[in-house]
Amino acid sequence: MRKFLGTLVLIVVVVAAIGFFSGWLSFSSDNGSNNSNFGVDINRDKLVDDTKQGAQEVGDALKKAEEAVEGAVKGK
């Protein structure tokens, strides 16, 4: 159970770091007199745009690989 929780925490930290450096997430804090608030803002527009762009790039790479395989098969 301890390994599972450690792995889960590691995954959350990695996803948060990727999101932060990609501009998908931003973190904020506000320290009042008796309380502290911590916030996470999600930039959904950038997340959706980057996801669409990534899907397009993967599709293009797959198409290019498919053409290369077809060329290699026809060349035999």
Foldseek 3Di string as FASTA:
>chain_A
DVVVVVVVVVVVVVVVVVCVVQVQKDKDWDDDDPDIDIDIDGPVVSVVVVVVVVVVVVVVVVVVVVVVVVVVVVVD
